[in-house]
Amino acid sequence: MTESNLPLIDLHRHLDGNIRVSSILNLAVKNGIDLPYTDEQALSKHVFIQDKTTDLMAFLQKLDIGVSVLAHVEDCEKIAYENVIDAVNEGLAHVELRFSPNYMARAYNLPLIGVVEAVVAGVARANKEKNYKAKLIGILSRTFGVENCFKELDAILSAKSQIVALDLAGDEHNFPPALFINHFKIAREQGLNITVHAGEAGGANSIWDAINLLGASRIGHGVAAINDNRLLSYMAMHKIGIESCILSNYQTGTWLDMATHPVKSFLSHDIEVFLNTDDPGVSNNTLADEYSLAKTIVNLDDEAIRRLKMNAMSQAFLSSAEKNAIKCTFNGV
């Protein structure tokens, strides 16, 4: 198949980083919350990143605007539902939506299990309505500390039959993987797949630790891997995927020049790297936009684009039967 005939699959997409501007306004009105702007166009300019931020933590602060209006668990259900609808409308053949219960609950001290139940319900409702099969990944927000992450893990595991994987995200520099060994041991024992944000704000050692200490089979961002040839070889040999996000890597200052983004080098090392949107609610991007950047800015040819799309299918947390169903549906079988 040519690259243009392959399905679009987004495996690194933050549900709580993809809240519609219209929904932020509507929820603010419903919940009596003051925002700096009450006009959708003006709020969009405030919410969406204009070119880039200073660093990862500044990028993450942009996300706070969206979750600041989640005053009730039903608000979380609405956001989850809309995320699936957005994925369908964007033409994604498959999406894995990740979310942090702690992050979504934090502004109004919502019950963590209630947030998880609401997100699961919202995704299930949209899946049923659209005959779709979006999957969920639970996130431990390392920024809030080790003990809070144990509480977050308990909430995620309360719905483990509806969640395919566990992730670690947030302040990578100050909260390294070694702090979360026990969390991920429990998750693996409960049957969850593991993907970890690593090599974004941290170096190659962070990626090694995500793999060796936490059991990651996929790495979020992972740009620092480019500095360690032994790591590149190891990831290729063991088919550890890299969830690459070109635009957000530029916006966070993780990679300064999109034209030299390491996605091309990862492909040359036979790593199963693939493209993703990360946080469309602040980056104002689609997966099609990411592939356009890969073509026009990174200068990848059609064969490289085809490999990226094939890698996404390979790395999805799906059974062989589910992957075949997507292929058959996409090809009209």
C-alpha atoms as a PDB file:
ATOM      1  CA  MET A   1       0.000   0.000   0.000  1.00  0.00           C
ATOM      2  CA  THR A   2       1.110   3.552  -0.644  1.00  0.00           C
ATOM      3  CA  GLU A   3       1.422   5.948   2.300  1.00  0.00           C
ATOM      4  CA  SER A   4      -1.702   7.820   1.194  1.00  0.00           C
ATOM      5  CA  ASN A   5      -3.762   4.622   1.505  1.00  0.00           C
ATOM      6  CA  LEU A   6      -2.650   3.797   5.038  1.00  0.00           C
ATOM      7  CA  PRO A   7      -4.813   4.678   8.052  1.00  0.00           C
ATOM      8  CA  LEU A   8      -4.027   7.601  10.320  1.00  0.00           C
ATOM      9  CA  ILE A   9      -3.409   6.373  13.874  1.00  0.00           C
ATOM     10  CA  ASP A  10      -2.674   8.670  16.825  1.00  0.00           C
ATOM     11  CA  LEU A  11      -1.247   6.909  19.890  1.00  0.00           C
ATOM     12  CA  HIS A  12       0.063   9.873  21.900  1.00  0.00           C
ATOM     13  CA  ARG A  13      -2.836  12.260  22.391  1.00  0.00           C
ATOM     14  CA  HIS A  14      -3.700  13.797  25.752  1.00  0.00           C
ATOM     15  CA  LEU A  15      -7.431  13.849  26.341  1.00  0.00           C
ATOM     16  CA  ASP A  16      -6.996  16.553  28.979  1.00  0.00           C
ATOM     17  CA  GLY A  17      -4.802  18.457  26.526  1.00  0.00           C
ATOM     18  CA  ASN A  18      -7.480  18.469  23.855  1.00  0.00           C
ATOM     19  CA  ILE A  19     -10.370  20.461  25.277  1.00  0.00           C
ATOM     20  CA  ARG A  20     -12.328  22.490  22.741  1.00  0.00           C
ATOM     21  CA  VAL A  21     -12.195  26.259  23.221  1.00  0.00           C
ATOM     22  CA  SER A  22     -15.980  26.353  22.852  1.00  0.00           C
ATOM     23  CA  SER A  23     -16.280  23.792  25.645  1.00  0.00           C
ATOM     24  CA  ILE A  24     -13.955  25.785  27.907  1.00  0.00           C
ATOM     25  CA  LEU A  25     -16.264  28.795  27.458  1.00  0.00           C
ATOM     26  CA  ASN A  26     -19.452  26.765  27.898  1.00  0.00           C
ATOM     27  CA  LEU A  27     -18.223  25.022  31.034  1.00  0.00           C
ATOM     28  CA  ALA A  28     -16.988  28.305  32.481  1.00  0.00           C
ATOM     29  CA  VAL A  29     -20.468  29.798  32.070  1.00  0.00           C
ATOM     30  CA  LYS A  30     -22.167  26.679  33.435  1.00  0.00           C
ATOM     31  CA  ASN A  31     -19.901  26.524  36.468  1.00  0.00           C
ATOM     32  CA  GLY A  32     -19.705  30.274  37.156  1.00  0.00           C
ATOM     33  CA  ILE A  33     -15.968  30.447  36.468  1.00  0.00           C
ATOM     34  CA  ASP A  34     -14.287  33.672  35.344  1.00  0.00           C
ATOM     35  CA  LEU A  35     -11.947  33.433  32.359  1.00  0.00           C
ATOM     36  CA  PRO A  36      -9.617  36.132  31.002  1.00  0.00           C
ATOM     37  CA  TYR A  37     -11.693  36.222  27.796  1.00  0.00           C
ATOM     38  CA  THR A  38     -15.352  35.508  27.069  1.00  0.00           C
ATOM     39  CA  ASP A  39     -15.056  35.585  23.272  1.00  0.00           C
ATOM     40  CA  GLU A  40     -14.065  32.333  21.531  1.00  0.00           C
ATOM     41  CA  GLN A  41     -11.671  33.991  19.102  1.00  0.00           C
ATOM     42  CA  ALA A  42      -9.909  35.942  21.843  1.00  0.00           C
ATOM     43  CA  LEU A  43      -9.736  32.910  24.132  1.00  0.00           C
ATOM     44  CA  SER A  44      -8.300  30.835  21.283  1.00  0.00           C
ATOM     45  CA  LYS A  45      -5.346  33.204  21.023  1.00  0.00           C
ATOM     46  CA  HIS A  46      -4.814  32.831  24.769  1.00  0.00           C
ATOM     47  CA  VAL A  47      -5.155  29.031  24.776  1.00  0.00           C
ATOM     48  CA  PHE A  48      -3.252  28.132  21.609  1.00  0.00           C
ATOM     49  CA  ILE A  49       0.524  28.372  21.657  1.00  0.00           C
ATOM     50  CA  GLN A  50       1.801  31.158  19.438  1.00  0.00           C
ATOM     51  CA  ASP A  51       4.976  29.759  17.844  1.00  0.00           C
ATOM     52  CA  LYS A  52       6.615  28.256  20.974  1.00  0.00           C
ATOM     53  CA  THR A  53       7.006  28.407  24.765  1.00  0.00           C
ATOM     54  CA  THR A  54      10.175  28.733  26.831  1.00  0.00           C
ATOM     55  CA  ASP A  55      10.293  25.125  28.039  1.00  0.00           C
ATOM     56  CA  LEU A  56       8.252  22.024  28.827  1.00  0.00           C
ATOM     57  CA  MET A  57       6.818  23.349  32.092  1.00  0.00           C
ATOM     58  CA  ALA A  58       5.643  26.559  30.384  1.00  0.00           C
ATOM     59  CA  PHE A  59       3.956  24.393  27.749  1.00  0.00           C
ATOM     60  CA  LEU A  60       2.223  22.352  30.450  1.00  0.00           C
ATOM     61  CA  GLN A  61       0.915  25.521  32.084  1.00  0.00           C
ATOM     62  CA  LYS A  62      -1.037  26.253  28.903  1.00  0.00           C
ATOM     63  CA  LEU A  63      -2.982  23.052  29.531  1.00  0.00           C
ATOM     64  CA  ASP A  64      -4.136  24.388  32.903  1.00  0.00           C
ATOM     65  CA  ILE A  65      -6.640  26.693  31.198  1.00  0.00           C
ATOM     66  CA  GLY A  66      -8.730  23.803  29.898  1.00  0.00           C
ATOM     67  CA  VAL A  67      -8.831  21.727  33.075  1.00  0.00           C
ATOM     68  CA  SER A  68      -9.566  24.832  35.169  1.00  0.00           C
ATOM     69  CA  VAL A  69     -13.253  24.613  34.180  1.00  0.00           C
ATOM     70  CA  LEU A  70     -13.758  20.949  35.125  1.00  0.00           C
ATOM     71  CA  ALA A  71     -15.824  21.577  38.260  1.00  0.00           C
ATOM     72  CA  HIS A  72     -17.886  18.359  38.178  1.00  0.00           C
ATOM     73  CA  VAL A  73     -17.225  14.787  37.085  1.00  0.00           C
ATOM     74  CA  GLU A  74     -19.846  15.141  34.350  1.00  0.00           C
ATOM     75  CA  ASP A  75     -17.633  17.851  32.839  1.00  0.00           C
ATOM     76  CA  CYS A  76     -14.894  15.228  32.512  1.00  0.00           C
ATOM     77  CA  GLU A  77     -17.381  12.905  30.815  1.00  0.00           C
ATOM     78  CA  LYS A  78     -18.224  15.644  28.301  1.00  0.00           C
ATOM     79  CA  ILE A  79     -14.560  16.250  27.480  1.00  0.00           C
ATOM     80  CA  ALA A  80     -13.863  12.549  27.018  1.00  0.00           C
ATOM     81  CA  TYR A  81     -16.877  12.163  24.737  1.00  0.00           C
ATOM     82  CA  GLU A  82     -15.821  15.136  22.617  1.00  0.00           C
ATOM     83  CA  ASN A  83     -12.283  13.803  22.261  1.00  0.00           C
ATOM     84  CA  VAL A  84     -13.560  10.658  20.574  1.00  0.00           C
ATOM     85  CA  ILE A  85     -15.901  12.662  18.349  1.00  0.00           C
ATOM     86  CA  ASP A  86     -12.959  14.888  17.364  1.00  0.00           C
ATOM     87  CA  ALA A  87     -10.856  11.826  16.493  1.00  0.00           C
ATOM     88  CA  VAL A  88     -13.625  10.430  14.314  1.00  0.00           C
ATOM     89  CA  ASN A  89     -14.175  13.785  12.599  1.00  0.00           C
ATOM     90  CA  GLU A  90     -10.438  14.078  12.017  1.00  0.00           C
ATOM     91  CA  GLY A  91     -10.524  10.785  10.125  1.00  0.00           C
ATOM     92  CA  LEU A  92      -8.390   8.790  12.542  1.00  0.00           C
ATOM     93  CA  ALA A  93      -8.707   5.048  12.058  1.00  0.00           C
ATOM     94  CA  HIS A  94      -7.641   4.563  15.667  1.00  0.00           C
ATOM     95  CA  VAL A  95      -6.760   6.729  18.655  1.00  0.00           C
ATOM     96  CA  GLU A  96      -5.365   6.072  22.122  1.00  0.00           C
ATOM     97  CA  LEU A  97      -6.403   8.860  24.468  1.00  0.00           C
ATOM     98  CA  ARG A  98      -4.366   9.343  27.626  1.00  0.00           C
ATOM     99  CA  PHE A  99      -5.467  11.244  30.707  1.00  0.00           C
ATOM    100  CA  SER A 100      -4.350  12.037  34.233  1.00  0.00           C
ATOM    101  CA  PRO A 101      -7.164  11.681  36.794  1.00  0.00           C
ATOM    102  CA  ASN A 102      -5.179  13.791  39.279  1.00  0.00           C
ATOM    103  CA  TYR A 103      -4.688  16.605  36.779  1.00  0.00           C
ATOM    104  CA  MET A 104      -8.339  16.663  35.740  1.00  0.00           C
ATOM    105  CA  ALA A 105      -9.511  16.524  39.372  1.00  0.00           C
ATOM    106  CA  ARG A 106      -7.123  19.052  40.822  1.00  0.00           C
ATOM    107  CA  ALA A 107      -8.875  22.417  40.273  1.00  0.00           C
ATOM    108  CA  TYR A 108     -12.011  21.398  42.182  1.00  0.00           C
ATOM    109  CA  ASN A 109     -10.734  18.439  44.225  1.00  0.00           C
ATOM    110  CA  LEU A 110     -12.916  15.971  42.341  1.00  0.00           C
ATOM    111  CA  PRO A 111     -12.892  12.319  43.419  1.00  0.00           C
ATOM    112  CA  LEU A 112     -10.235  10.481  41.414  1.00  0.00           C
ATOM    113  CA  ILE A 113     -12.325   7.374  40.894  1.00  0.00           C
ATOM    114  CA  GLY A 114     -15.241   9.579  39.846  1.00  0.00           C
ATOM    115  CA  VAL A 115     -13.048  11.235  37.204  1.00  0.00           C
ATOM    116  CA  VAL A 116     -11.927   7.857  35.886  1.00  0.00           C
ATOM    117  CA  GLU A 117     -15.502   6.577  35.752  1.00  0.00           C
ATOM    118  CA  ALA A 118     -16.610   9.730  33.919  1.00  0.00           C
ATOM    119  CA  VAL A 119     -13.827   9.522  31.334  1.00  0.00           C
ATOM    120  CA  VAL A 120     -14.500   5.830  30.731  1.00  0.00           C
ATOM    121  CA  ALA A 121     -18.226   6.562  30.339  1.00  0.00           C
ATOM    122  CA  GLY A 122     -17.641   9.431  27.916  1.00  0.00           C
ATOM    123  CA  VAL A 123     -15.368   7.379  25.694  1.00  0.00           C
ATOM    124  CA  ALA A 124     -17.738   4.405  25.801  1.00  0.00           C
ATOM    125  CA  ARG A 125     -20.717   6.583  24.843  1.00  0.00           C
ATOM    126  CA  ALA A 126     -18.906   8.096  21.855  1.00  0.00           C
ATOM    127  CA  ASN A 127     -17.506   4.715  20.791  1.00  0.00           C
ATOM    128  CA  LYS A 128     -21.005   3.251  20.764  1.00  0.00           C
ATOM    129  CA  GLU A 129     -22.496   6.240  18.963  1.00  0.00           C
ATOM    130  CA  LYS A 130     -19.833   6.240  16.245  1.00  0.00           C
ATOM    131  CA  ASN A 131     -19.137   2.481  16.117  1.00  0.00           C
ATOM    132  CA  TYR A 132     -15.547   3.302  17.056  1.00  0.00           C
ATOM    133  CA  LYS A 133     -12.989   1.747  19.386  1.00  0.00           C
ATOM    134  CA  ALA A 134     -10.910   4.507  20.952  1.00  0.00           C
ATOM    135  CA  LYS A 135      -8.709   3.189  23.757  1.00  0.00           C
ATOM    136  CA  LEU A 136      -7.670   4.812  27.045  1.00  0.00           C
ATOM    137  CA  ILE A 137      -4.259   5.168  28.682  1.00  0.00           C
ATOM    138  CA  GLY A 138      -4.022   6.260  32.317  1.00  0.00           C
ATOM    139  CA  ILE A 139      -1.346   8.775  33.283  1.00  0.00           C
ATOM    140  CA  LEU A 140       0.490   9.174  36.566  1.00  0.00           C
ATOM    141  CA  SER A 141       1.285  12.892  36.926  1.00  0.00           C
ATOM    142  CA  ARG A 142       4.769  12.716  38.411  1.00  0.00           C
ATOM    143  CA  THR A 143       4.721  16.475  39.103  1.00  0.00           C
ATOM    144  CA  PHE A 144       2.352  15.956  42.054  1.00  0.00           C
ATOM    145  CA  GLY A 145       4.664  13.515  43.824  1.00  0.00           C
ATOM    146  CA  VAL A 146       5.114   9.829  44.512  1.00  0.00           C
ATOM    147  CA  GLU A 147       2.326   9.402  47.075  1.00  0.00           C
ATOM    148  CA  ASN A 148      -0.252  11.208  44.953  1.00  0.00           C
ATOM    149  CA  CYS A 149       0.693   8.924  42.083  1.00  0.00           C
ATOM    150  CA  PHE A 150      -0.157   5.874  44.200  1.00  0.00           C
ATOM    151  CA  LYS A 151      -3.647   7.326  44.724  1.00  0.00           C
ATOM    152  CA  GLU A 152      -3.880   8.062  41.012  1.00  0.00           C
ATOM    153  CA  LEU A 153      -2.806   4.514  40.187  1.00  0.00           C
ATOM    154  CA  ASP A 154      -5.510   3.086  42.454  1.00  0.00           C
ATOM    155  CA  ALA A 155      -8.117   5.159  40.608  1.00  0.00           C
ATOM    156  CA  ILE A 156      -6.835   4.037  37.215  1.00  0.00           C
ATOM    157  CA  LEU A 157      -6.791   0.385  38.259  1.00  0.00           C
ATOM    158  CA  SER A 158     -10.411   0.674  39.407  1.00  0.00           C
ATOM    159  CA  ALA A 159     -11.250   0.642  35.686  1.00  0.00           C
ATOM    160  CA  LYS A 160      -8.378  -1.516  34.443  1.00  0.00           C
ATOM    161  CA  SER A 161     -10.638  -3.514  32.115  1.00  0.00           C
ATOM    162  CA  GLN A 162     -11.319  -0.299  30.152  1.00  0.00           C
ATOM    163  CA  ILE A 163      -7.728   1.011  30.183  1.00  0.00           C
ATOM    164  CA  VAL A 164      -4.970  -0.497  28.028  1.00  0.00           C
ATOM    165  CA  ALA A 165      -1.816   1.086  29.444  1.00  0.00           C
ATOM    166  CA  LEU A 166      -0.151   3.233  32.082  1.00  0.00           C
ATOM    167  CA  ASP A 167       1.956   6.310  31.366  1.00  0.00           C
ATOM    168  CA  LEU A 168       4.159   8.655  33.401  1.00  0.00           C
ATOM    169  CA  ALA A 169       4.080  12.340  32.454  1.00  0.00           C
ATOM    170  CA  GLY A 170       4.881  15.790  33.836  1.00  0.00           C
ATOM    171  CA  ASP A 171       8.099  17.143  35.356  1.00  0.00           C
ATOM    172  CA  GLU A 172      10.630  14.625  34.037  1.00  0.00           C
ATOM    173  CA  HIS A 173      13.645  16.542  35.331  1.00  0.00           C
ATOM    174  CA  ASN A 174      12.664  16.616  39.013  1.00  0.00           C
ATOM    175  CA  PHE A 175      10.734  13.336  39.145  1.00  0.00           C
ATOM    176  CA  PRO A 176      12.815  10.652  37.381  1.00  0.00           C
ATOM    177  CA  PRO A 177      11.588   7.117  36.608  1.00  0.00           C
ATOM    178  CA  ALA A 178      13.402   5.574  39.585  1.00  0.00           C
ATOM    179  CA  LEU A 179      10.833   7.131  41.934  1.00  0.00           C
ATOM    180  CA  PHE A 180       8.006   5.171  40.342  1.00  0.00           C
ATOM    181  CA  ILE A 181       9.329   1.596  40.158  1.00  0.00           C
ATOM    182  CA  ASN A 182       6.682   0.217  42.510  1.00  0.00           C
ATOM    183  CA  HIS A 183       3.829   1.975  40.724  1.00  0.00           C
ATOM    184  CA  PHE A 184       4.730   0.391  37.415  1.00  0.00           C
ATOM    185  CA  LYS A 185       5.444  -3.013  38.916  1.00  0.00           C
ATOM    186  CA  ILE A 186       1.863  -3.037  40.206  1.00  0.00           C
ATOM    187  CA  ALA A 187       0.524  -1.873  36.835  1.00  0.00           C
ATOM    188  CA  ARG A 188       2.400  -4.578  34.931  1.00  0.00           C
ATOM    189  CA  GLU A 189       1.158  -7.220  37.366  1.00  0.00           C
ATOM    190  CA  GLN A 190      -2.369  -5.994  36.664  1.00  0.00           C
ATOM    191  CA  GLY A 191      -1.842  -6.545  32.939  1.00  0.00           C
ATOM    192  CA  LEU A 192      -1.384  -2.968  31.712  1.00  0.00           C
ATOM    193  CA  ASN A 193       0.957  -2.062  28.874  1.00  0.00           C
ATOM    194  CA  ILE A 194       3.550   0.598  29.664  1.00  0.00           C
ATOM    195  CA  THR A 195       4.427   3.811  27.849  1.00  0.00           C
ATOM    196  CA  VAL A 196       6.509   6.526  29.522  1.00  0.00           C
ATOM    197  CA  HIS A 197       7.327  10.157  28.743  1.00  0.00           C
ATOM    198  CA  ALA A 198      11.133  10.116  28.661  1.00  0.00           C
ATOM    199  CA  GLY A 199      13.976  11.825  26.851  1.00  0.00           C
ATOM    200  CA  GLU A 200      11.907  14.982  26.460  1.00  0.00           C
ATOM    201  CA  ALA A 201      13.158  17.145  29.330  1.00  0.00           C
ATOM    202  CA  GLY A 202      15.618  14.476  30.474  1.00  0.00           C
ATOM    203  CA  GLY A 203      18.534  12.772  28.756  1.00  0.00           C
ATOM    204  CA  ALA A 204      19.073   9.309  27.330  1.00  0.00           C
ATOM    205  CA  ASN A 205      19.438   7.885  30.854  1.00  0.00           C
ATOM    206  CA  SER A 206      15.801   8.759  31.464  1.00  0.00           C
ATOM    207  CA  ILE A 207      14.839   6.554  28.530  1.00  0.00           C
ATOM    208  CA  TRP A 208      17.048   3.696  29.737  1.00  0.00           C
ATOM    209  CA  ASP A 209      15.372   3.916  33.153  1.00  0.00           C
ATOM    210  CA  ALA A 210      11.889   4.041  31.635  1.00  0.00           C
ATOM    211  CA  ILE A 211      12.696   0.795  29.835  1.00  0.00           C
ATOM    212  CA  ASN A 212      14.720  -1.049  32.464  1.00  0.00           C
ATOM    213  CA  LEU A 213      13.040   0.170  35.656  1.00  0.00           C
ATOM    214  CA  LEU A 214       9.447   0.750  34.548  1.00  0.00           C
ATOM    215  CA  GLY A 215       9.087  -1.761  31.718  1.00  0.00           C
ATOM    216  CA  ALA A 216       8.206   0.683  28.939  1.00  0.00           C
ATOM    217  CA  SER A 217       7.522  -0.830  25.529  1.00  0.00           C
ATOM    218  CA  ARG A 218       6.896   2.631  24.076  1.00  0.00           C
ATOM    219  CA  ILE A 219       8.577   5.961  24.830  1.00  0.00           C
ATOM    220  CA  GLY A 220       6.792   9.303  24.648  1.00  0.00           C
ATOM    221  CA  HIS A 221       8.870  11.851  22.691  1.00  0.00           C
ATOM    222  CA  GLY A 222      12.271  10.226  23.330  1.00  0.00           C
ATOM    223  CA  VAL A 223      14.266  12.795  21.369  1.00  0.00           C
ATOM    224  CA  ALA A 224      17.296  12.361  23.674  1.00  0.00           C
ATOM    225  CA  ALA A 225      17.747   8.822  22.353  1.00  0.00           C
ATOM    226  CA  ILE A 226      19.515  10.372  19.379  1.00  0.00           C
ATOM    227  CA  ASN A 227      22.536  11.014  21.630  1.00  0.00           C
ATOM    228  CA  ASP A 228      23.076   7.346  22.554  1.00  0.00           C
ATOM    229  CA  ASN A 229      23.860   4.892  19.750  1.00  0.00           C
ATOM    230  CA  ARG A 230      23.699   1.906  22.092  1.00  0.00           C
ATOM    231  CA  LEU A 231      20.197   2.958  23.136  1.00  0.00           C
ATOM    232  CA  LEU A 232      19.133   3.356  19.513  1.00  0.00           C
ATOM    233  CA  SER A 233      20.324  -0.151  18.725  1.00  0.00           C
ATOM    234  CA  TYR A 234      18.616  -1.555  21.798  1.00  0.00           C
ATOM    235  CA  MET A 235      15.298   0.105  20.991  1.00  0.00           C
ATOM    236  CA  ALA A 236      15.436  -1.125  17.406  1.00  0.00           C
ATOM    237  CA  MET A 237      16.312  -4.674  18.431  1.00  0.00           C
ATOM    238  CA  HIS A 238      13.551  -4.859  21.043  1.00  0.00           C
ATOM    239  CA  LYS A 239      10.948  -2.974  18.969  1.00  0.00           C
ATOM    240  CA  ILE A 240      10.489  -0.265  21.578  1.00  0.00           C
ATOM    241  CA  GLY A 241       8.485   2.422  19.807  1.00  0.00           C
ATOM    242  CA  ILE A 242       8.957   6.178  19.922  1.00  0.00           C
ATOM    243  CA  GLU A 243       5.828   8.315  20.055  1.00  0.00           C
ATOM    244  CA  SER A 244       7.142  11.296  18.122  1.00  0.00           C
ATOM    245  CA  CYS A 245       5.465  14.711  18.258  1.00  0.00           C
ATOM    246  CA  ILE A 246       7.265  17.125  15.945  1.00  0.00           C
ATOM    247  CA  LEU A 247       5.270  20.294  16.587  1.00  0.00           C
ATOM    248  CA  SER A 248       5.077  20.012  20.362  1.00  0.00           C
ATOM    249  CA  ASN A 249       8.792  19.180  20.559  1.00  0.00           C
ATOM    250  CA  TYR A 250       9.415  22.527  18.878  1.00  0.00           C
ATOM    251  CA  GLN A 251       6.841  24.346  21.000  1.00  0.00           C
ATOM    252  CA  THR A 252       8.321  23.065  24.271  1.00  0.00           C
ATOM    253  CA  GLY A 253      11.874  23.887  23.193  1.00  0.00           C
ATOM    254  CA  THR A 254      12.747  20.199  23.401  1.00  0.00           C
ATOM    255  CA  TRP A 255      13.999  20.391  19.794  1.00  0.00           C
ATOM    256  CA  LEU A 256      14.887  23.826  18.459  1.00  0.00           C
ATOM    257  CA  ASP A 257      14.745  23.252  14.699  1.00  0.00           C
ATOM    258  CA  MET A 258      11.920  21.177  13.230  1.00  0.00           C
ATOM    259  CA  ALA A 259      13.895  20.626  10.027  1.00  0.00           C
ATOM    260  CA  THR A 260      16.485  18.579  11.930  1.00  0.00           C
ATOM    261  CA  HIS A 261      14.018  16.687  14.131  1.00  0.00           C
ATOM    262  CA  PRO A 262      15.450  13.215  14.910  1.00  0.00           C
ATOM    263  CA  VAL A 263      12.439  11.335  13.524  1.00  0.00           C
ATOM    264  CA  LYS A 264      14.406  10.815  10.304  1.00  0.00           C
ATOM    265  CA  SER A 265      17.400   9.433  12.194  1.00  0.00           C
ATOM    266  CA  PHE A 266      15.159   7.142  14.228  1.00  0.00           C
ATOM    267  CA  LEU A 267      13.852   5.651  10.985  1.00  0.00           C
ATOM    268  CA  SER A 268      17.397   5.169   9.693  1.00  0.00           C
ATOM    269  CA  HIS A 269      18.171   3.192  12.862  1.00  0.00           C
ATOM    270  CA  ASP A 270      15.119   0.977  12.203  1.00  0.00           C
ATOM    271  CA  ILE A 271      13.277   2.178  15.291  1.00  0.00           C
ATOM    272  CA  GLU A 272       9.497   1.874  15.179  1.00  0.00           C
ATOM    273  CA  VAL A 273       8.862   5.613  15.444  1.00  0.00           C
ATOM    274  CA  PHE A 274       5.508   7.150  14.507  1.00  0.00           C
ATOM    275  CA  LEU A 275       3.798  10.553  14.550  1.00  0.00           C
ATOM    276  CA  ASN A 276       1.284  11.923  17.038  1.00  0.00           C
ATOM    277  CA  THR A 277      -0.464  15.178  17.983  1.00  0.00           C
ATOM    278  CA  ASP A 278       0.297  15.290  21.754  1.00  0.00           C
ATOM    279  CA  ASP A 279      -1.980  18.170  22.887  1.00  0.00           C
ATOM    280  CA  PRO A 280      -4.153  19.497  20.045  1.00  0.00           C
ATOM    281  CA  GLY A 281      -6.046  21.726  22.487  1.00  0.00           C
ATOM    282  CA  VAL A 282      -3.011  23.984  22.874  1.00  0.00           C
ATOM    283  CA  SER A 283      -0.913  23.110  19.817  1.00  0.00           C
ATOM    284  CA  ASN A 284      -3.902  23.622  17.487  1.00  0.00           C
ATOM    285  CA  ASN A 285      -2.813  20.711  15.293  1.00  0.00           C
ATOM    286  CA  THR A 286      -4.146  17.556  13.692  1.00  0.00           C
ATOM    287  CA  LEU A 287      -2.345  14.332  12.861  1.00  0.00           C
ATOM    288  CA  ALA A 288      -2.527  15.304   9.189  1.00  0.00           C
ATOM    289  CA  ASP A 289      -0.646  18.480  10.144  1.00  0.00           C
ATOM    290  CA  GLU A 290       2.102  16.385  11.754  1.00  0.00           C
ATOM    291  CA  TYR A 291       2.527  14.351   8.578  1.00  0.00           C
ATOM    292  CA  SER A 292       2.586  17.560   6.559  1.00  0.00           C
ATOM    293  CA  LEU A 293       5.412  18.879   8.770  1.00  0.00           C
ATOM    294  CA  ALA A 294       7.255  15.595   8.309  1.00  0.00           C
ATOM    295  CA  LYS A 295       7.002  15.959   4.537  1.00  0.00           C
ATOM    296  CA  THR A 296       7.570  19.662   4.034  1.00  0.00           C
ATOM    297  CA  ILE A 297       9.838  20.640   6.941  1.00  0.00           C
ATOM    298  CA  VAL A 298      11.673  17.444   7.937  1.00  0.00           C
ATOM    299  CA  ASN A 299      11.725  16.478   4.248  1.00  0.00           C
ATOM    300  CA  LEU A 300      10.681  12.847   4.608  1.00  0.00           C
ATOM    301  CA  ASP A 301       9.820  11.036   1.381  1.00  0.00           C
ATOM    302  CA  ASP A 302       6.716   8.925   0.755  1.00  0.00           C
ATOM    303  CA  GLU A 303       8.456   5.710   1.792  1.00  0.00           C
ATOM    304  CA  ALA A 304       9.446   7.226   5.143  1.00  0.00           C
ATOM    305  CA  ILE A 305       5.884   8.449   5.676  1.00  0.00           C
ATOM    306  CA  ARG A 306       4.600   4.958   4.850  1.00  0.00           C
ATOM    307  CA  ARG A 307       6.934   3.456   7.437  1.00  0.00           C
ATOM    308  CA  LEU A 308       5.768   5.914  10.090  1.00  0.00           C
ATOM    309  CA  LYS A 309       2.151   4.926   9.488  1.00  0.00           C
ATOM    310  CA  MET A 310       2.991   1.207   9.493  1.00  0.00           C
ATOM    311  CA  ASN A 311       4.905   1.657  12.731  1.00  0.00           C
ATOM    312  CA  ALA A 312       1.865   3.248  14.363  1.00  0.00           C
ATOM    313  CA  MET A 313      -0.217   0.208  13.513  1.00  0.00           C
ATOM    314  CA  SER A 314       2.509  -2.109  14.789  1.00  0.00           C
ATOM    315  CA  GLN A 315       2.895  -0.226  18.077  1.00  0.00           C
ATOM    316  CA  ALA A 316      -0.797   0.250  18.895  1.00  0.00           C
ATOM    317  CA  PHE A 317      -1.934  -1.396  22.123  1.00  0.00           C
ATOM    318  CA  LEU A 318      -4.332  -3.611  20.194  1.00  0.00           C
ATOM    319  CA  SER A 319      -4.701  -7.323  19.634  1.00  0.00           C
ATOM    320  CA  SER A 320      -3.840  -8.805  16.237  1.00  0.00           C
ATOM    321  CA  ALA A 321      -7.557  -9.239  15.584  1.00  0.00           C
ATOM    322  CA  GLU A 322      -8.235  -5.573  16.367  1.00  0.00           C
ATOM    323  CA  LYS A 323      -5.421  -4.452  14.072  1.00  0.00           C
ATOM    324  CA  ASN A 324      -6.725  -6.645  11.268  1.00  0.00           C
ATOM    325  CA  ALA A 325     -10.223  -5.234  11.777  1.00  0.00           C
ATOM    326  CA  ILE A 326      -8.891  -1.696  11.330  1.00  0.00           C
ATOM    327  CA  LYS A 327      -7.031  -2.701   8.176  1.00  0.00           C
ATOM    328  CA  CYS A 328     -10.107  -4.413   6.767  1.00  0.00           C
ATOM    329  CA  THR A 329     -12.405  -1.514   7.632  1.00  0.00           C
ATOM    330  CA  PHE A 330     -10.009   1.007   6.128  1.00  0.00           C
ATOM    331  CA  ASN A 331      -9.686  -1.031   2.942  1.00  0.00           C
ATOM    332  CA  GLY A 332     -13.424  -1.537   2.628  1.00  0.00           C
ATOM    333  CA  VAL A 333     -13.267  -5.302   3.219  1.00  0.00           C
END
